[in-house]
Amino acid sequence: MVQPYKHEPFTNFSVEENRNAYLTGLKTVEGYLGQDYPLVIGGEKITTEDKIASYNPSNKEELIGRVSKANRELAEQAMQAAVEAFKTWRKVKPEIRADVLFKAAAIIRRRKHEFSALLTKEAGKPWNEADADTAEAIDFLEFYARQMLQIKDGVPVNSRPNEYNRYDYIPLGVGII
């Protein structure tokens, strides 16, 4: 049986320890602002001449970072790499795939204020809204991991005598946006 989930709590910033933790998250983020970030396609880092720059909307002089911009050819290359990876990933047991989501949630939970500080810097979010968005991301990861564990063996359906009906979920594949 899948354990019930308790929602990720929001941070009470009226508590000095929490305020200081968030300020530490902001300092951590400020330590790596302004960098260039490559695309990662099939495990390979790809840097392009054309970049997308992200600036702090509440301080237009503060460069958050620059990410290499993909063109149609690179998007297709990423799609094909994902299709290739899907050939083996789709055979991975649901428990292992769910564990990837649980681990991602644990990483974000450990670095919650850093992730929230990124939202403050990149999207201009107030602390409480950034904290709520990070908490929601953790909730989504854990929710979908638990859903995967709950439906991994399919859903019971009624069968008539001398017939056997099943309702199973299967991995569908790759998409690109």
N, C-alpha and C. Protein backbone atom coordinates (compact mmCIF):
# COMPACT_ATOMS: atom_id res chain seq x y z
N MET A 1 0.83 -1.18 0.00
CA MET A 1 0.00 0.00 0.00
C MET A 1 0.88 1.25 0.00
N VAL A 2 0.49 2.21 -0.81
CA VAL A 2 1.23 3.46 -0.91
C VAL A 2 0.89 4.33 0.30
N GLN A 3 1.94 4.89 0.92
CA GLN A 3 1.74 5.74 2.09
C GLN A 3 1.05 7.04 1.70
N PRO A 4 0.13 7.52 2.54
CA PRO A 4 -0.50 8.81 2.24
C PRO A 4 0.55 9.91 2.31
N TYR A 5 0.33 10.94 1.54
CA TYR A 5 1.31 12.02 1.44
C TYR A 5 0.85 13.22 2.23
N LYS A 6 1.77 13.79 2.97
CA LYS A 6 1.52 15.06 3.65
C LYS A 6 2.10 16.14 2.76
N HIS A 7 1.32 17.16 2.48
CA HIS A 7 1.80 18.24 1.60
C HIS A 7 3.02 18.93 2.19
N GLU A 8 3.89 19.36 1.32
CA GLU A 8 5.08 20.10 1.72
C GLU A 8 4.63 21.38 2.42
N PRO A 9 5.11 21.64 3.63
CA PRO A 9 4.66 22.84 4.33
C PRO A 9 5.26 24.11 3.74
N PHE A 10 4.54 25.20 3.89
CA PHE A 10 5.06 26.50 3.49
C PHE A 10 5.98 26.99 4.60
N THR A 11 6.94 27.81 4.24
CA THR A 11 7.88 28.34 5.21
C THR A 11 7.30 29.57 5.89
N ASN A 12 7.41 29.62 7.19
CA ASN A 12 6.97 30.77 7.97
C ASN A 12 8.15 31.73 8.09
N PHE A 13 8.13 32.79 7.31
CA PHE A 13 9.24 33.73 7.29
C PHE A 13 9.24 34.71 8.46
N SER A 14 8.24 34.63 9.31
CA SER A 14 8.28 35.46 10.53
C SER A 14 9.23 34.83 11.56
N VAL A 15 9.66 33.59 11.31
CA VAL A 15 10.65 32.92 12.16
C VAL A 15 12.04 33.29 11.64
N GLU A 16 12.86 33.85 12.53
CA GLU A 16 14.18 34.36 12.13
C GLU A 16 15.04 33.29 11.45
N GLU A 17 15.01 32.07 11.97
CA GLU A 17 15.80 30.98 11.39
C GLU A 17 15.42 30.75 9.93
N ASN A 18 14.13 30.82 9.62
CA ASN A 18 13.66 30.63 8.24
C ASN A 18 14.08 31.80 7.35
N ARG A 19 13.98 33.03 7.88
CA ARG A 19 14.44 34.21 7.11
C ARG A 19 15.92 34.07 6.78
N ASN A 20 16.71 33.68 7.78
CA ASN A 20 18.16 33.54 7.56
C ASN A 20 18.46 32.43 6.57
N ALA A 21 17.70 31.35 6.61
CA ALA A 21 17.90 30.25 5.65
C ALA A 21 17.62 30.73 4.23
N TYR A 22 16.59 31.56 4.07
CA TYR A 22 16.27 32.07 2.74
C TYR A 22 17.36 33.03 2.26
N LEU A 23 17.85 33.88 3.16
CA LEU A 23 18.94 34.79 2.80
C LEU A 23 20.18 34.01 2.39
N THR A 24 20.43 32.89 3.04
CA THR A 24 21.54 32.01 2.65
C THR A 24 21.29 31.45 1.26
N GLY A 25 20.05 31.06 0.97
CA GLY A 25 19.69 30.59 -0.37
C GLY A 25 19.94 31.66 -1.42
N LEU A 26 19.59 32.90 -1.11
CA LEU A 26 19.83 34.02 -2.03
C LEU A 26 21.33 34.21 -2.27
N LYS A 27 22.13 34.13 -1.22
CA LYS A 27 23.59 34.28 -1.36
C LYS A 27 24.16 33.15 -2.22
N THR A 28 23.66 31.94 -2.03
CA THR A 28 24.12 30.81 -2.84
C THR A 28 23.83 31.07 -4.31
N VAL A 29 22.61 31.51 -4.60
CA VAL A 29 22.21 31.78 -5.98
C VAL A 29 23.03 32.93 -6.57
N GLU A 30 23.23 33.97 -5.80
CA GLU A 30 24.02 35.11 -6.30
C GLU A 30 25.44 34.69 -6.64
N GLY A 31 25.92 33.63 -6.02
CA GLY A 31 27.27 33.12 -6.30
C GLY A 31 27.42 32.48 -7.66
N TYR A 32 26.32 32.13 -8.30
CA TYR A 32 26.45 31.52 -9.63
C TYR A 32 25.61 32.21 -10.70
N LEU A 33 25.23 33.45 -10.45
CA LEU A 33 24.52 34.22 -11.48
C LEU A 33 25.48 34.59 -12.61
N GLY A 34 24.90 34.82 -13.79
CA GLY A 34 25.67 35.32 -14.92
C GLY A 34 26.39 34.28 -15.75
N GLN A 35 26.22 33.01 -15.43
CA GLN A 35 26.93 31.96 -16.18
C GLN A 35 26.22 31.63 -17.49
N ASP A 36 26.98 30.95 -18.36
CA ASP A 36 26.42 30.40 -19.59
C ASP A 36 26.09 28.93 -19.34
N TYR A 37 24.95 28.49 -19.88
CA TYR A 37 24.52 27.10 -19.71
C TYR A 37 24.32 26.46 -21.07
N PRO A 38 24.96 25.32 -21.29
CA PRO A 38 24.80 24.63 -22.57
C PRO A 38 23.49 23.85 -22.62
N LEU A 39 23.12 23.43 -23.80
CA LEU A 39 22.06 22.45 -23.96
C LEU A 39 22.67 21.10 -23.61
N VAL A 40 21.89 20.16 -23.17
CA VAL A 40 22.37 18.80 -22.95
C VAL A 40 21.48 17.89 -23.77
N ILE A 41 22.08 17.29 -24.79
CA ILE A 41 21.34 16.42 -25.70
C ILE A 41 22.04 15.07 -25.74
N GLY A 42 21.33 14.05 -25.32
CA GLY A 42 21.91 12.70 -25.29
C GLY A 42 23.14 12.63 -24.41
N GLY A 43 23.17 13.42 -23.35
CA GLY A 43 24.30 13.43 -22.43
C GLY A 43 25.45 14.31 -22.88
N GLU A 44 25.36 14.88 -24.06
CA GLU A 44 26.43 15.73 -24.60
C GLU A 44 26.07 17.21 -24.38
N LYS A 45 27.03 17.99 -23.87
CA LYS A 45 26.82 19.42 -23.68
C LYS A 45 27.08 20.13 -25.01
N ILE A 46 26.11 20.95 -25.42
CA ILE A 46 26.21 21.65 -26.70
C ILE A 46 26.04 23.14 -26.45
N THR A 47 27.06 23.90 -26.83
CA THR A 47 27.01 25.36 -26.69
C THR A 47 26.79 25.96 -28.07
N THR A 48 25.83 26.87 -28.16
CA THR A 48 25.55 27.54 -29.43
C THR A 48 25.93 29.01 -29.33
N GLU A 49 26.15 29.61 -30.49
CA GLU A 49 26.45 31.05 -30.54
C GLU A 49 25.26 31.86 -30.04
N ASP A 50 24.07 31.47 -30.49
CA ASP A 50 22.85 32.17 -30.12
C ASP A 50 22.44 31.77 -28.71
N LYS A 51 22.21 32.76 -27.85
CA LYS A 51 21.88 32.49 -26.45
C LYS A 51 20.59 33.22 -26.07
N ILE A 52 19.94 32.69 -25.06
CA ILE A 52 18.78 33.34 -24.46
C ILE A 52 19.24 33.86 -23.11
N ALA A 53 19.19 35.17 -22.92
CA ALA A 53 19.61 35.78 -21.67
C ALA A 53 18.40 35.96 -20.76
N SER A 54 18.61 35.68 -19.49
CA SER A 54 17.55 35.86 -18.50
C SER A 54 18.02 36.91 -17.49
N TYR A 55 17.18 37.92 -17.29
CA TYR A 55 17.50 39.00 -16.35
C TYR A 55 16.48 39.02 -15.22
N ASN A 56 16.92 39.48 -14.08
CA ASN A 56 16.05 39.66 -12.93
C ASN A 56 15.04 40.75 -13.28
N PRO A 57 13.73 40.45 -13.29
CA PRO A 57 12.75 41.47 -13.68
C PRO A 57 12.66 42.64 -12.70
N SER A 58 13.14 42.44 -11.47
CA SER A 58 13.11 43.55 -10.52
C SER A 58 14.43 44.31 -10.48
N ASN A 59 15.41 43.83 -11.25
CA ASN A 59 16.70 44.51 -11.38
C ASN A 59 17.25 44.16 -12.75
N LYS A 60 16.87 44.94 -13.76
CA LYS A 60 17.19 44.62 -15.16
C LYS A 60 18.69 44.55 -15.44
N GLU A 61 19.52 45.04 -14.53
CA GLU A 61 20.97 44.98 -14.70
C GLU A 61 21.55 43.63 -14.26
N GLU A 62 20.77 42.86 -13.51
CA GLU A 62 21.27 41.61 -12.95
C GLU A 62 20.99 40.45 -13.91
N LEU A 63 22.05 39.96 -14.52
CA LEU A 63 21.95 38.83 -15.45
C LEU A 63 21.86 37.54 -14.64
N ILE A 64 20.80 36.80 -14.83
CA ILE A 64 20.64 35.52 -14.15
C ILE A 64 21.53 34.48 -14.83
N GLY A 65 21.49 34.45 -16.14
CA GLY A 65 22.31 33.51 -16.89
C GLY A 65 21.93 33.53 -18.36
N ARG A 66 22.73 32.84 -19.16
CA ARG A 66 22.47 32.71 -20.59
C ARG A 66 22.46 31.23 -20.93
N VAL A 67 21.41 30.81 -21.62
CA VAL A 67 21.32 29.40 -22.04
C VAL A 67 21.46 29.34 -23.56
N SER A 68 22.19 28.34 -24.02
CA SER A 68 22.33 28.16 -25.47
C SER A 68 20.95 27.93 -26.07
N LYS A 69 20.73 28.56 -27.20
CA LYS A 69 19.42 28.49 -27.85
C LYS A 69 19.42 27.37 -28.89
N ALA A 70 18.41 26.52 -28.80
CA ALA A 70 18.29 25.42 -29.75
C ALA A 70 17.58 25.90 -31.01
N ASN A 71 18.01 25.37 -32.14
CA ASN A 71 17.29 25.61 -33.39
C ASN A 71 16.48 24.34 -33.70
N ARG A 72 15.83 24.32 -34.84
CA ARG A 72 15.00 23.17 -35.20
C ARG A 72 15.82 21.88 -35.27
N GLU A 73 17.03 21.98 -35.82
CA GLU A 73 17.89 20.80 -35.97
C GLU A 73 18.27 20.23 -34.59
N LEU A 74 18.63 21.11 -33.66
CA LEU A 74 18.99 20.64 -32.31
C LEU A 74 17.77 20.09 -31.57
N ALA A 75 16.61 20.71 -31.79
CA ALA A 75 15.38 20.20 -31.17
C ALA A 75 15.09 18.79 -31.69
N GLU A 76 15.28 18.58 -32.98
CA GLU A 76 15.08 17.25 -33.57
C GLU A 76 16.10 16.26 -33.01
N GLN A 77 17.33 16.70 -32.87
CA GLN A 77 18.38 15.85 -32.31
C GLN A 77 18.02 15.46 -30.86
N ALA A 78 17.50 16.40 -30.09
CA ALA A 78 17.07 16.12 -28.72
C ALA A 78 15.91 15.13 -28.71
N MET A 79 14.99 15.33 -29.64
CA MET A 79 13.83 14.43 -29.74
C MET A 79 14.29 13.01 -30.07
N GLN A 80 15.21 12.88 -31.00
CA GLN A 80 15.70 11.55 -31.39
C GLN A 80 16.49 10.89 -30.26
N ALA A 81 17.26 11.68 -29.52
CA ALA A 81 17.99 11.14 -28.36
C ALA A 81 17.00 10.65 -27.31
N ALA A 82 15.93 11.40 -27.10
CA ALA A 82 14.90 10.99 -26.13
C ALA A 82 14.18 9.73 -26.60
N VAL A 83 13.89 9.65 -27.90
CA VAL A 83 13.25 8.45 -28.44
C VAL A 83 14.16 7.23 -28.24
N GLU A 84 15.43 7.42 -28.47
CA GLU A 84 16.39 6.32 -28.28
C GLU A 84 16.47 5.91 -26.81
N ALA A 85 16.53 6.89 -25.92
CA ALA A 85 16.59 6.59 -24.48
C ALA A 85 15.30 5.92 -24.01
N PHE A 86 14.19 6.30 -24.61
CA PHE A 86 12.89 5.75 -24.22
C PHE A 86 12.82 4.24 -24.46
N LYS A 87 13.58 3.75 -25.43
CA LYS A 87 13.56 2.31 -25.74
C LYS A 87 13.94 1.47 -24.51
N THR A 88 14.86 1.98 -23.71
CA THR A 88 15.23 1.25 -22.49
C THR A 88 14.46 1.77 -21.28
N TRP A 89 14.24 3.08 -21.21
CA TRP A 89 13.54 3.67 -20.06
C TRP A 89 12.14 3.08 -19.89
N ARG A 90 11.46 2.79 -20.97
CA ARG A 90 10.09 2.27 -20.87
C ARG A 90 10.06 0.88 -20.24
N LYS A 91 11.21 0.21 -20.22
CA LYS A 91 11.28 -1.13 -19.62
C LYS A 91 11.67 -1.09 -18.13
N VAL A 92 12.02 0.09 -17.66
CA VAL A 92 12.41 0.24 -16.26
C VAL A 92 11.16 0.09 -15.39
N LYS A 93 11.29 -0.67 -14.32
CA LYS A 93 10.15 -0.94 -13.44
C LYS A 93 9.59 0.36 -12.86
N PRO A 94 8.28 0.41 -12.70
CA PRO A 94 7.65 1.61 -12.15
C PRO A 94 8.22 2.03 -10.80
N GLU A 95 8.60 1.06 -9.97
CA GLU A 95 9.16 1.39 -8.66
C GLU A 95 10.46 2.19 -8.80
N ILE A 96 11.25 1.85 -9.79
CA ILE A 96 12.52 2.55 -10.01
C ILE A 96 12.25 3.93 -10.59
N ARG A 97 11.32 4.01 -11.53
CA ARG A 97 10.97 5.33 -12.10
C ARG A 97 10.38 6.24 -11.04
N ALA A 98 9.53 5.67 -10.18
CA ALA A 98 8.96 6.46 -9.08
C ALA A 98 10.07 6.93 -8.15
N ASP A 99 11.05 6.06 -7.92
CA ASP A 99 12.16 6.43 -7.04
C ASP A 99 12.94 7.63 -7.58
N VAL A 100 13.05 7.74 -8.90
CA VAL A 100 13.71 8.91 -9.49
C VAL A 100 12.96 10.18 -9.08
N LEU A 101 11.63 10.14 -9.13
CA LEU A 101 10.83 11.30 -8.72
C LEU A 101 10.97 11.57 -7.22
N PHE A 102 10.95 10.51 -6.41
CA PHE A 102 11.14 10.68 -4.96
C PHE A 102 12.50 11.30 -4.65
N LYS A 103 13.53 10.86 -5.36
CA LYS A 103 14.87 11.41 -5.13
C LYS A 103 14.95 12.87 -5.57
N ALA A 104 14.32 13.19 -6.69
CA ALA A 104 14.29 14.59 -7.14
C ALA A 104 13.58 15.46 -6.10
N ALA A 105 12.47 14.97 -5.56
CA ALA A 105 11.75 15.72 -4.51
C ALA A 105 12.64 15.91 -3.29
N ALA A 106 13.39 14.88 -2.91
CA ALA A 106 14.27 14.98 -1.74
C ALA A 106 15.38 16.00 -1.97
N ILE A 107 15.93 16.03 -3.17
CA ILE A 107 16.98 17.01 -3.49
C ILE A 107 16.42 18.43 -3.41
N ILE A 108 15.26 18.64 -4.00
CA ILE A 108 14.65 19.98 -3.96
C ILE A 108 14.30 20.35 -2.53
N ARG A 109 13.79 19.40 -1.76
CA ARG A 109 13.44 19.67 -0.36
C ARG A 109 14.69 20.10 0.43
N ARG A 110 15.82 19.42 0.21
CA ARG A 110 17.06 19.78 0.90
C ARG A 110 17.54 21.17 0.50
N ARG A 111 17.32 21.54 -0.75
CA ARG A 111 17.81 22.81 -1.28
C ARG A 111 16.64 23.78 -1.53
N LYS A 112 15.58 23.63 -0.76
CA LYS A 112 14.33 24.35 -0.99
C LYS A 112 14.55 25.86 -1.12
N HIS A 113 15.29 26.44 -0.18
CA HIS A 113 15.46 27.90 -0.22
C HIS A 113 16.31 28.34 -1.41
N GLU A 114 17.23 27.52 -1.84
CA GLU A 114 18.02 27.84 -3.03
C GLU A 114 17.12 27.85 -4.27
N PHE A 115 16.27 26.82 -4.41
CA PHE A 115 15.35 26.78 -5.55
C PHE A 115 14.38 27.96 -5.52
N SER A 116 13.88 28.27 -4.33
CA SER A 116 12.96 29.40 -4.19
C SER A 116 13.67 30.71 -4.50
N ALA A 117 14.93 30.83 -4.05
CA ALA A 117 15.71 32.04 -4.32
C ALA A 117 15.91 32.22 -5.83
N LEU A 118 16.08 31.12 -6.56
CA LEU A 118 16.17 31.22 -8.02
C LEU A 118 14.89 31.82 -8.60
N LEU A 119 13.75 31.41 -8.07
CA LEU A 119 12.47 31.98 -8.53
C LEU A 119 12.37 33.46 -8.18
N THR A 120 12.89 33.83 -7.03
CA THR A 120 12.90 35.24 -6.64
C THR A 120 13.76 36.04 -7.61
N LYS A 121 14.91 35.52 -7.93
CA LYS A 121 15.83 36.24 -8.83
C LYS A 121 15.34 36.22 -10.28
N GLU A 122 14.96 35.06 -10.78
CA GLU A 122 14.65 34.95 -12.21
C GLU A 122 13.25 35.41 -12.56
N ALA A 123 12.29 35.22 -11.65
CA ALA A 123 10.91 35.58 -11.98
C ALA A 123 10.41 36.77 -11.16
N GLY A 124 11.23 37.27 -10.25
CA GLY A 124 10.82 38.40 -9.42
C GLY A 124 9.76 38.01 -8.40
N LYS A 125 9.70 36.75 -8.02
CA LYS A 125 8.68 36.27 -7.08
C LYS A 125 9.00 36.73 -5.67
N PRO A 126 7.99 37.18 -4.94
CA PRO A 126 8.21 37.44 -3.50
C PRO A 126 8.54 36.12 -2.81
N TRP A 127 9.18 36.20 -1.67
CA TRP A 127 9.62 35.00 -0.96
C TRP A 127 8.50 33.99 -0.77
N ASN A 128 7.35 34.46 -0.30
CA ASN A 128 6.27 33.52 0.02
C ASN A 128 5.74 32.82 -1.23
N GLU A 129 5.66 33.54 -2.36
CA GLU A 129 5.19 32.91 -3.60
C GLU A 129 6.22 31.93 -4.15
N ALA A 130 7.49 32.30 -4.09
CA ALA A 130 8.55 31.40 -4.56
C ALA A 130 8.57 30.13 -3.70
N ASP A 131 8.42 30.31 -2.39
CA ASP A 131 8.38 29.17 -1.47
C ASP A 131 7.19 28.26 -1.79
N ALA A 132 6.04 28.86 -2.07
CA ALA A 132 4.84 28.07 -2.41
C ALA A 132 5.05 27.31 -3.72
N ASP A 133 5.67 27.94 -4.70
CA ASP A 133 5.93 27.26 -5.98
C ASP A 133 6.89 26.08 -5.80
N THR A 134 7.92 26.27 -4.98
CA THR A 134 8.86 25.18 -4.73
C THR A 134 8.17 24.05 -3.98
N ALA A 135 7.36 24.39 -2.99
CA ALA A 135 6.60 23.37 -2.26
C ALA A 135 5.68 22.61 -3.21
N GLU A 136 5.06 23.33 -4.14
CA GLU A 136 4.17 22.68 -5.10
C GLU A 136 4.95 21.73 -6.01
N ALA A 137 6.15 22.12 -6.42
CA ALA A 137 6.98 21.25 -7.26
C ALA A 137 7.30 19.95 -6.51
N ILE A 138 7.64 20.08 -5.24
CA ILE A 138 7.93 18.90 -4.42
C ILE A 138 6.67 18.03 -4.34
N ASP A 139 5.53 18.66 -4.09
CA ASP A 139 4.26 17.93 -4.01
C ASP A 139 3.97 17.18 -5.31
N PHE A 140 4.15 17.84 -6.46
CA PHE A 140 3.89 17.19 -7.74
C PHE A 140 4.79 15.98 -7.94
N LEU A 141 6.08 16.13 -7.66
CA LEU A 141 7.00 15.00 -7.82
C LEU A 141 6.56 13.82 -6.96
N GLU A 142 6.23 14.10 -5.72
CA GLU A 142 5.83 13.00 -4.82
C GLU A 142 4.46 12.44 -5.21
N PHE A 143 3.54 13.30 -5.63
CA PHE A 143 2.22 12.84 -6.04
C PHE A 143 2.32 11.88 -7.22
N TYR A 144 3.05 12.29 -8.26
CA TYR A 144 3.15 11.44 -9.44
C TYR A 144 3.93 10.16 -9.16
N ALA A 145 4.91 10.21 -8.28
CA ALA A 145 5.62 8.99 -7.90
C ALA A 145 4.65 8.03 -7.20
N ARG A 146 3.85 8.56 -6.30
CA ARG A 146 2.88 7.71 -5.59
C ARG A 146 1.80 7.18 -6.55
N GLN A 147 1.38 8.02 -7.47
CA GLN A 147 0.40 7.57 -8.48
C GLN A 147 0.97 6.41 -9.27
N MET A 148 2.24 6.53 -9.65
CA MET A 148 2.87 5.47 -10.43
C MET A 148 2.86 4.16 -9.65
N LEU A 149 3.16 4.23 -8.35
CA LEU A 149 3.16 3.02 -7.52
C LEU A 149 1.75 2.47 -7.37
N GLN A 150 0.79 3.36 -7.31
CA GLN A 150 -0.60 2.93 -7.11
C GLN A 150 -1.17 2.24 -8.36
N ILE A 151 -0.80 2.71 -9.55
CA ILE A 151 -1.41 2.16 -10.77
C ILE A 151 -0.49 1.21 -11.54
N LYS A 152 0.68 0.91 -10.97
CA LYS A 152 1.66 0.09 -11.70
C LYS A 152 1.13 -1.28 -12.12
N ASP A 153 0.19 -1.83 -11.35
CA ASP A 153 -0.36 -3.13 -11.68
C ASP A 153 -1.70 -3.02 -12.40
N GLY A 154 -2.02 -1.83 -12.87
CA GLY A 154 -3.28 -1.62 -13.56
C GLY A 154 -4.41 -1.29 -12.60
N VAL A 155 -5.59 -1.20 -13.15
CA VAL A 155 -6.79 -0.88 -12.38
C VAL A 155 -7.73 -2.07 -12.49
N PRO A 156 -8.29 -2.49 -11.36
CA PRO A 156 -9.22 -3.63 -11.45
C PRO A 156 -10.43 -3.30 -12.32
N VAL A 157 -10.81 -4.26 -13.14
CA VAL A 157 -12.03 -4.12 -13.95
C VAL A 157 -12.85 -5.40 -13.79
N ASN A 158 -14.11 -5.28 -14.01
CA ASN A 158 -14.97 -6.45 -13.89
C ASN A 158 -14.83 -7.35 -15.11
N SER A 159 -14.81 -8.62 -14.86
CA SER A 159 -14.78 -9.60 -15.94
C SER A 159 -16.01 -10.50 -15.82
N ARG A 160 -16.47 -10.96 -16.95
CA ARG A 160 -17.59 -11.92 -16.97
C ARG A 160 -17.02 -13.32 -16.87
N PRO A 161 -17.85 -14.28 -16.60
CA PRO A 161 -17.33 -15.67 -16.58
C PRO A 161 -16.67 -16.01 -17.91
N ASN A 162 -15.56 -16.70 -17.84
CA ASN A 162 -14.79 -17.16 -19.00
C ASN A 162 -14.11 -16.03 -19.79
N GLU A 163 -13.96 -14.88 -19.18
CA GLU A 163 -13.16 -13.83 -19.83
C GLU A 163 -12.30 -13.15 -18.77
N TYR A 164 -11.20 -12.59 -19.24
CA TYR A 164 -10.26 -11.93 -18.34
C TYR A 164 -9.97 -10.55 -18.91
N ASN A 165 -10.41 -9.52 -18.23
CA ASN A 165 -10.20 -8.15 -18.69
C ASN A 165 -9.13 -7.48 -17.83
N ARG A 166 -8.34 -6.63 -18.48
CA ARG A 166 -7.28 -5.87 -17.78
C ARG A 166 -7.33 -4.44 -18.22
N TYR A 167 -6.90 -3.57 -17.34
CA TYR A 167 -6.77 -2.15 -17.64
C TYR A 167 -5.39 -1.75 -17.14
N ASP A 168 -4.43 -1.68 -18.06
CA ASP A 168 -3.06 -1.38 -17.69
C ASP A 168 -2.63 -0.03 -18.24
N TYR A 169 -1.69 0.58 -17.56
CA TYR A 169 -1.07 1.82 -18.02
C TYR A 169 0.27 1.46 -18.66
N ILE A 170 0.57 2.13 -19.76
CA ILE A 170 1.83 1.86 -20.44
C ILE A 170 2.53 3.19 -20.74
N PRO A 171 3.86 3.18 -20.78
CA PRO A 171 4.58 4.39 -21.17
C PRO A 171 4.28 4.71 -22.63
N LEU A 172 3.92 5.95 -22.91
CA LEU A 172 3.50 6.31 -24.27
C LEU A 172 4.63 6.83 -25.16
N GLY A 173 5.61 7.48 -24.58
CA GLY A 173 6.68 7.94 -25.44
C GLY A 173 7.09 9.36 -25.16
N VAL A 174 7.68 9.95 -26.18
CA VAL A 174 8.38 11.23 -26.08
C VAL A 174 7.58 12.31 -26.80
N GLY A 175 7.65 13.50 -26.26
CA GLY A 175 7.04 14.65 -26.92
C GLY A 175 8.00 15.82 -26.84
N ILE A 176 7.77 16.84 -27.62
CA ILE A 176 8.65 18.01 -27.60
C ILE A 176 7.79 19.27 -27.66
N ILE A 177 8.21 20.25 -26.92
CA ILE A 177 7.48 21.53 -26.88
C ILE A 177 8.46 22.64 -27.25
